[in-house]
Amino acid sequence: MKIAKSIPVYLLAIVYLVFGINFFFPFIKMQAPPGDAGAFIGLLYSSKYLLIVKIIEVVSAVLLLIPKTRALALLLIAPVTVNILLYEALLQHQPGPGHIMIIIQVLAIYFEKDKYKGII
């Protein structure tokens, strides 16, 4: 059961580590989305906002891999996951990986619920 509880955490860590590193060293080619979604991404790039988000993604992904810092990492990465979901829902108007990632995030937080009792 311990391995099954770790699967959502490792999935999140892989996704955020791969796409976070891809920002700094592009190895996955991505096209700019059309319309408002593309304009929004362009603004994030030009303002350096995305740089900070990608740093948070990489740091959180590394922290997810360390069991003692896993609960902190899940809290740090939660706003990023919610923003990915909102971007897909409000700007792209189509489902994407954000819907799956939010489910995985909720599962990971649920499996670590004992560590959050002090703040609830």
N, C-alpha and C. Protein backbone atom coordinates (compact mmCIF):
# COMPACT_ATOMS: atom_id res chain seq x y z
N MET A 1 0.82 -1.20 0.00
CA MET A 1 0.00 0.00 0.00
C MET A 1 0.86 1.26 0.00
N LYS A 2 2.04 1.15 0.62
CA LYS A 2 2.93 2.30 0.68
C LYS A 2 3.37 2.73 -0.73
N ILE A 3 3.60 1.77 -1.59
CA ILE A 3 4.00 2.07 -2.97
C ILE A 3 2.85 2.73 -3.72
N ALA A 4 1.63 2.22 -3.50
CA ALA A 4 0.46 2.80 -4.18
C ALA A 4 0.23 4.25 -3.77
N LYS A 5 0.53 4.59 -2.50
CA LYS A 5 0.38 5.96 -2.03
C LYS A 5 1.43 6.89 -2.62
N SER A 6 2.54 6.33 -3.06
CA SER A 6 3.62 7.15 -3.62
C SER A 6 3.46 7.41 -5.12
N ILE A 7 2.63 6.65 -5.79
CA ILE A 7 2.48 6.79 -7.24
C ILE A 7 2.02 8.19 -7.65
N PRO A 8 0.97 8.78 -7.03
CA PRO A 8 0.57 10.13 -7.44
C PRO A 8 1.68 11.17 -7.23
N VAL A 9 2.44 11.02 -6.17
CA VAL A 9 3.53 11.96 -5.89
C VAL A 9 4.61 11.86 -6.96
N TYR A 10 4.98 10.64 -7.32
CA TYR A 10 6.01 10.47 -8.34
C TYR A 10 5.54 10.92 -9.71
N LEU A 11 4.26 10.72 -10.02
CA LEU A 11 3.72 11.21 -11.29
C LEU A 11 3.81 12.73 -11.36
N LEU A 12 3.40 13.41 -10.28
CA LEU A 12 3.50 14.87 -10.24
C LEU A 12 4.95 15.32 -10.36
N ALA A 13 5.84 14.65 -9.64
CA ALA A 13 7.25 15.03 -9.68
C ALA A 13 7.80 14.90 -11.09
N ILE A 14 7.47 13.82 -11.78
CA ILE A 14 7.97 13.62 -13.15
C ILE A 14 7.44 14.71 -14.08
N VAL A 15 6.14 14.96 -14.02
CA VAL A 15 5.54 15.97 -14.91
C VAL A 15 6.16 17.34 -14.68
N TYR A 16 6.21 17.76 -13.41
CA TYR A 16 6.73 19.10 -13.13
C TYR A 16 8.23 19.21 -13.37
N LEU A 17 8.97 18.15 -13.13
CA LEU A 17 10.41 18.18 -13.39
C LEU A 17 10.69 18.25 -14.90
N VAL A 18 10.00 17.43 -15.67
CA VAL A 18 10.22 17.41 -17.12
C VAL A 18 9.85 18.75 -17.75
N PHE A 19 8.65 19.26 -17.44
CA PHE A 19 8.21 20.50 -18.08
C PHE A 19 8.90 21.72 -17.48
N GLY A 20 9.34 21.63 -16.25
CA GLY A 20 10.11 22.72 -15.67
C GLY A 20 11.48 22.83 -16.31
N ILE A 21 12.16 21.70 -16.46
CA ILE A 21 13.48 21.69 -17.11
C ILE A 21 13.35 22.04 -18.58
N ASN A 22 12.24 21.63 -19.21
CA ASN A 22 12.04 21.94 -20.62
C ASN A 22 12.00 23.45 -20.87
N PHE A 23 11.59 24.22 -19.90
CA PHE A 23 11.58 25.67 -20.05
C PHE A 23 13.00 26.21 -20.20
N PHE A 24 13.93 25.66 -19.43
CA PHE A 24 15.30 26.14 -19.44
C PHE A 24 16.14 25.51 -20.56
N PHE A 25 15.88 24.24 -20.84
CA PHE A 25 16.59 23.52 -21.90
C PHE A 25 15.55 22.86 -22.80
N PRO A 26 15.04 23.57 -23.80
CA PRO A 26 13.93 23.05 -24.60
C PRO A 26 14.29 21.77 -25.37
N PHE A 27 13.69 20.68 -24.97
CA PHE A 27 13.86 19.42 -25.67
C PHE A 27 12.52 18.88 -26.16
N ILE A 28 11.42 19.47 -25.72
CA ILE A 28 10.09 19.14 -26.22
C ILE A 28 9.58 20.37 -26.95
N LYS A 29 9.34 20.22 -28.23
CA LYS A 29 8.87 21.35 -29.03
C LYS A 29 7.38 21.56 -28.80
N MET A 30 7.00 22.80 -28.47
CA MET A 30 5.59 23.12 -28.24
C MET A 30 5.21 24.31 -29.10
N GLN A 31 4.02 24.23 -29.67
CA GLN A 31 3.51 25.34 -30.48
C GLN A 31 2.72 26.29 -29.59
N ALA A 32 2.74 27.56 -29.95
CA ALA A 32 1.95 28.55 -29.22
C ALA A 32 0.47 28.32 -29.54
N PRO A 33 -0.37 28.31 -28.53
CA PRO A 33 -1.80 28.13 -28.79
C PRO A 33 -2.38 29.38 -29.46
N PRO A 34 -3.46 29.22 -30.21
CA PRO A 34 -4.05 30.37 -30.90
C PRO A 34 -4.91 31.23 -29.96
N GLY A 35 -5.17 32.44 -30.38
CA GLY A 35 -6.13 33.32 -29.69
C GLY A 35 -5.64 33.86 -28.37
N ASP A 36 -6.59 34.01 -27.45
CA ASP A 36 -6.29 34.58 -26.13
C ASP A 36 -5.30 33.73 -25.35
N ALA A 37 -5.38 32.42 -25.50
CA ALA A 37 -4.46 31.54 -24.78
C ALA A 37 -3.01 31.81 -25.20
N GLY A 38 -2.78 32.00 -26.49
CA GLY A 38 -1.44 32.30 -26.98
C GLY A 38 -0.95 33.66 -26.53
N ALA A 39 -1.85 34.64 -26.53
CA ALA A 39 -1.49 35.98 -26.07
C ALA A 39 -1.12 35.95 -24.59
N PHE A 40 -1.85 35.17 -23.82
CA PHE A 40 -1.57 35.06 -22.39
C PHE A 40 -0.20 34.43 -22.15
N ILE A 41 0.09 33.35 -22.85
CA ILE A 41 1.40 32.69 -22.72
C ILE A 41 2.51 33.64 -23.14
N GLY A 42 2.29 34.39 -24.22
CA GLY A 42 3.29 35.37 -24.66
C GLY A 42 3.57 36.42 -23.60
N LEU A 43 2.54 36.86 -22.94
CA LEU A 43 2.69 37.84 -21.85
C LEU A 43 3.45 37.24 -20.67
N LEU A 44 3.16 35.98 -20.35
CA LEU A 44 3.88 35.32 -19.26
C LEU A 44 5.37 35.20 -19.57
N TYR A 45 5.69 34.88 -20.83
CA TYR A 45 7.09 34.79 -21.23
C TYR A 45 7.78 36.14 -21.15
N SER A 46 7.16 37.16 -21.73
CA SER A 46 7.81 38.47 -21.81
C SER A 46 7.96 39.15 -20.45
N SER A 47 7.10 38.83 -19.51
CA SER A 47 7.18 39.47 -18.19
C SER A 47 8.08 38.71 -17.21
N LYS A 48 8.62 37.57 -17.62
CA LYS A 48 9.46 36.71 -16.78
C LYS A 48 8.67 36.03 -15.66
N TYR A 49 7.37 36.15 -15.68
CA TYR A 49 6.51 35.49 -14.69
C TYR A 49 6.66 33.97 -14.80
N LEU A 50 6.71 33.49 -16.03
CA LEU A 50 6.81 32.05 -16.26
C LEU A 50 8.13 31.50 -15.73
N LEU A 51 9.18 32.32 -15.73
CA LEU A 51 10.47 31.90 -15.18
C LEU A 51 10.32 31.53 -13.70
N ILE A 52 9.63 32.36 -12.94
CA ILE A 52 9.41 32.10 -11.52
C ILE A 52 8.56 30.84 -11.33
N VAL A 53 7.53 30.69 -12.13
CA VAL A 53 6.66 29.52 -12.04
C VAL A 53 7.46 28.25 -12.32
N LYS A 54 8.31 28.29 -13.32
CA LYS A 54 9.10 27.10 -13.68
C LYS A 54 10.14 26.77 -12.61
N ILE A 55 10.68 27.78 -11.97
CA ILE A 55 11.61 27.54 -10.85
C ILE A 55 10.86 26.85 -9.71
N ILE A 56 9.65 27.33 -9.42
CA ILE A 56 8.82 26.70 -8.38
C ILE A 56 8.50 25.25 -8.76
N GLU A 57 8.22 25.00 -10.03
CA GLU A 57 7.93 23.64 -10.48
C GLU A 57 9.12 22.72 -10.26
N VAL A 58 10.31 23.15 -10.66
CA VAL A 58 11.49 22.30 -10.54
C VAL A 58 11.83 22.05 -9.06
N VAL A 59 11.81 23.11 -8.26
CA VAL A 59 12.11 22.95 -6.83
C VAL A 59 11.09 22.05 -6.16
N SER A 60 9.82 22.24 -6.46
CA SER A 60 8.77 21.41 -5.87
C SER A 60 8.89 19.96 -6.31
N ALA A 61 9.25 19.74 -7.57
CA ALA A 61 9.42 18.37 -8.06
C ALA A 61 10.54 17.66 -7.31
N VAL A 62 11.62 18.35 -7.07
CA VAL A 62 12.72 17.76 -6.31
C VAL A 62 12.29 17.49 -4.87
N LEU A 63 11.57 18.44 -4.28
CA LEU A 63 11.09 18.25 -2.90
C LEU A 63 10.08 17.11 -2.80
N LEU A 64 9.31 16.87 -3.86
CA LEU A 64 8.36 15.76 -3.87
C LEU A 64 9.08 14.41 -3.79
N LEU A 65 10.27 14.35 -4.30
CA LEU A 65 11.02 13.09 -4.30
C LEU A 65 11.62 12.77 -2.94
N ILE A 66 11.67 13.74 -2.04
CA ILE A 66 12.21 13.55 -0.69
C ILE A 66 11.03 13.37 0.26
N PRO A 67 10.88 12.21 0.88
CA PRO A 67 9.70 11.96 1.72
C PRO A 67 9.47 12.98 2.84
N LYS A 68 10.51 13.50 3.45
CA LYS A 68 10.33 14.44 4.56
C LYS A 68 9.79 15.79 4.09
N THR A 69 10.01 16.16 2.85
CA THR A 69 9.57 17.46 2.34
C THR A 69 8.37 17.35 1.41
N ARG A 70 7.81 16.18 1.31
CA ARG A 70 6.72 15.93 0.37
C ARG A 70 5.48 16.77 0.67
N ALA A 71 5.10 16.90 1.92
CA ALA A 71 3.90 17.67 2.28
C ALA A 71 4.08 19.14 1.93
N LEU A 72 5.26 19.68 2.19
CA LEU A 72 5.55 21.07 1.83
C LEU A 72 5.50 21.26 0.32
N ALA A 73 6.08 20.34 -0.42
CA ALA A 73 6.10 20.43 -1.87
C ALA A 73 4.69 20.39 -2.46
N LEU A 74 3.82 19.57 -1.88
CA LEU A 74 2.45 19.50 -2.38
C LEU A 74 1.71 20.82 -2.15
N LEU A 75 2.02 21.50 -1.06
CA LEU A 75 1.42 22.81 -0.83
C LEU A 75 1.99 23.87 -1.77
N LEU A 76 3.28 23.79 -2.06
CA LEU A 76 3.92 24.77 -2.96
C LEU A 76 3.42 24.63 -4.40
N ILE A 77 3.18 23.42 -4.82
CA ILE A 77 2.83 23.18 -6.22
C ILE A 77 1.32 23.26 -6.46
N ALA A 78 0.52 23.26 -5.42
CA ALA A 78 -0.94 23.29 -5.58
C ALA A 78 -1.43 24.52 -6.36
N PRO A 79 -0.95 25.74 -6.07
CA PRO A 79 -1.43 26.89 -6.86
C PRO A 79 -1.05 26.80 -8.34
N VAL A 80 0.08 26.19 -8.63
CA VAL A 80 0.49 26.02 -10.03
C VAL A 80 -0.47 25.07 -10.73
N THR A 81 -0.83 23.98 -10.06
CA THR A 81 -1.76 23.01 -10.64
C THR A 81 -3.13 23.65 -10.88
N VAL A 82 -3.60 24.43 -9.93
CA VAL A 82 -4.89 25.10 -10.08
C VAL A 82 -4.83 26.10 -11.25
N ASN A 83 -3.74 26.81 -11.39
CA ASN A 83 -3.61 27.76 -12.50
C ASN A 83 -3.56 27.07 -13.85
N ILE A 84 -2.96 25.89 -13.92
CA ILE A 84 -2.96 25.12 -15.17
C ILE A 84 -4.40 24.75 -15.52
N LEU A 85 -5.15 24.30 -14.53
CA LEU A 85 -6.56 23.93 -14.76
C LEU A 85 -7.37 25.15 -15.20
N LEU A 86 -7.18 26.29 -14.54
CA LEU A 86 -7.93 27.49 -14.91
C LEU A 86 -7.56 27.99 -16.31
N TYR A 87 -6.29 27.89 -16.66
CA TYR A 87 -5.85 28.28 -18.00
C TYR A 87 -6.57 27.45 -19.06
N GLU A 88 -6.62 26.13 -18.82
CA GLU A 88 -7.29 25.26 -19.78
C GLU A 88 -8.79 25.54 -19.86
N ALA A 89 -9.41 25.75 -18.72
CA ALA A 89 -10.85 25.94 -18.68
C ALA A 89 -11.28 27.30 -19.22
N LEU A 90 -10.54 28.35 -18.89
CA LEU A 90 -10.97 29.71 -19.22
C LEU A 90 -10.38 30.27 -20.51
N LEU A 91 -9.20 29.82 -20.89
CA LEU A 91 -8.57 30.37 -22.09
C LEU A 91 -8.52 29.40 -23.26
N GLN A 92 -8.24 28.15 -22.99
CA GLN A 92 -8.19 27.18 -24.09
C GLN A 92 -9.56 26.60 -24.41
N HIS A 93 -10.47 26.63 -23.47
CA HIS A 93 -11.83 26.12 -23.63
C HIS A 93 -11.87 24.66 -24.06
N GLN A 94 -10.92 23.89 -23.53
CA GLN A 94 -10.91 22.47 -23.81
C GLN A 94 -10.16 21.75 -22.68
N PRO A 95 -10.56 20.52 -22.41
CA PRO A 95 -9.86 19.79 -21.35
C PRO A 95 -8.44 19.44 -21.78
N GLY A 96 -7.58 19.34 -20.80
CA GLY A 96 -6.18 19.01 -21.06
C GLY A 96 -5.59 18.29 -19.87
N PRO A 97 -4.29 18.29 -19.76
CA PRO A 97 -3.65 17.57 -18.65
C PRO A 97 -3.94 18.18 -17.28
N GLY A 98 -4.37 19.41 -17.22
CA GLY A 98 -4.68 20.04 -15.94
C GLY A 98 -5.76 19.33 -15.17
N HIS A 99 -6.73 18.77 -15.87
CA HIS A 99 -7.82 18.04 -15.21
C HIS A 99 -7.28 16.77 -14.55
N ILE A 100 -6.39 16.10 -15.22
CA ILE A 100 -5.79 14.89 -14.66
C ILE A 100 -4.84 15.24 -13.52
N MET A 101 -4.09 16.32 -13.71
CA MET A 101 -3.12 16.71 -12.69
C MET A 101 -3.81 17.14 -11.39
N ILE A 102 -4.95 17.78 -11.48
CA ILE A 102 -5.65 18.20 -10.27
C ILE A 102 -6.15 16.98 -9.50
N ILE A 103 -6.58 15.96 -10.21
CA ILE A 103 -7.02 14.72 -9.56
C ILE A 103 -5.84 14.04 -8.87
N ILE A 104 -4.71 13.97 -9.57
CA ILE A 104 -3.51 13.37 -8.99
C ILE A 104 -3.05 14.17 -7.77
N GLN A 105 -3.11 15.50 -7.87
CA GLN A 105 -2.71 16.37 -6.75
C GLN A 105 -3.60 16.13 -5.53
N VAL A 106 -4.90 16.04 -5.74
CA VAL A 106 -5.83 15.80 -4.63
C VAL A 106 -5.56 14.44 -4.00
N LEU A 107 -5.32 13.44 -4.81
CA LEU A 107 -4.98 12.11 -4.29
C LEU A 107 -3.71 12.15 -3.45
N ALA A 108 -2.68 12.82 -3.96
CA ALA A 108 -1.41 12.91 -3.24
C ALA A 108 -1.59 13.62 -1.91
N ILE A 109 -2.36 14.71 -1.90
CA ILE A 109 -2.61 15.43 -0.65
C ILE A 109 -3.42 14.55 0.31
N TYR A 110 -4.39 13.83 -0.22
CA TYR A 110 -5.19 12.94 0.63
C TYR A 110 -4.31 11.87 1.29
N PHE A 111 -3.38 11.30 0.53
CA PHE A 111 -2.51 10.27 1.10
C PHE A 111 -1.55 10.84 2.14
N GLU A 112 -1.30 12.14 2.09
CA GLU A 112 -0.41 12.80 3.06
C GLU A 112 -1.21 13.56 4.11
N LYS A 113 -2.49 13.28 4.25
CA LYS A 113 -3.38 14.08 5.10
C LYS A 113 -2.94 14.14 6.56
N ASP A 114 -2.27 13.13 7.05
CA ASP A 114 -1.82 13.13 8.44
C ASP A 114 -0.83 14.28 8.71
N LYS A 115 -0.08 14.66 7.71
CA LYS A 115 0.92 15.73 7.89
C LYS A 115 0.29 17.12 7.89
N TYR A 116 -0.96 17.20 7.49
CA TYR A 116 -1.63 18.52 7.42
C TYR A 116 -2.58 18.76 8.60
N LYS A 117 -2.67 17.84 9.52
CA LYS A 117 -3.61 18.00 10.64
C LYS A 117 -3.32 19.23 11.48
N GLY A 118 -2.08 19.62 11.56
CA GLY A 118 -1.71 20.78 12.36
C GLY A 118 -2.17 22.11 11.79
N ILE A 119 -2.42 22.17 10.49
CA ILE A 119 -2.83 23.43 9.88
C ILE A 119 -4.31 23.50 9.58
N ILE A 120 -5.01 22.40 9.81
CA ILE A 120 -6.45 22.38 9.49
C ILE A 120 -7.25 22.73 10.73
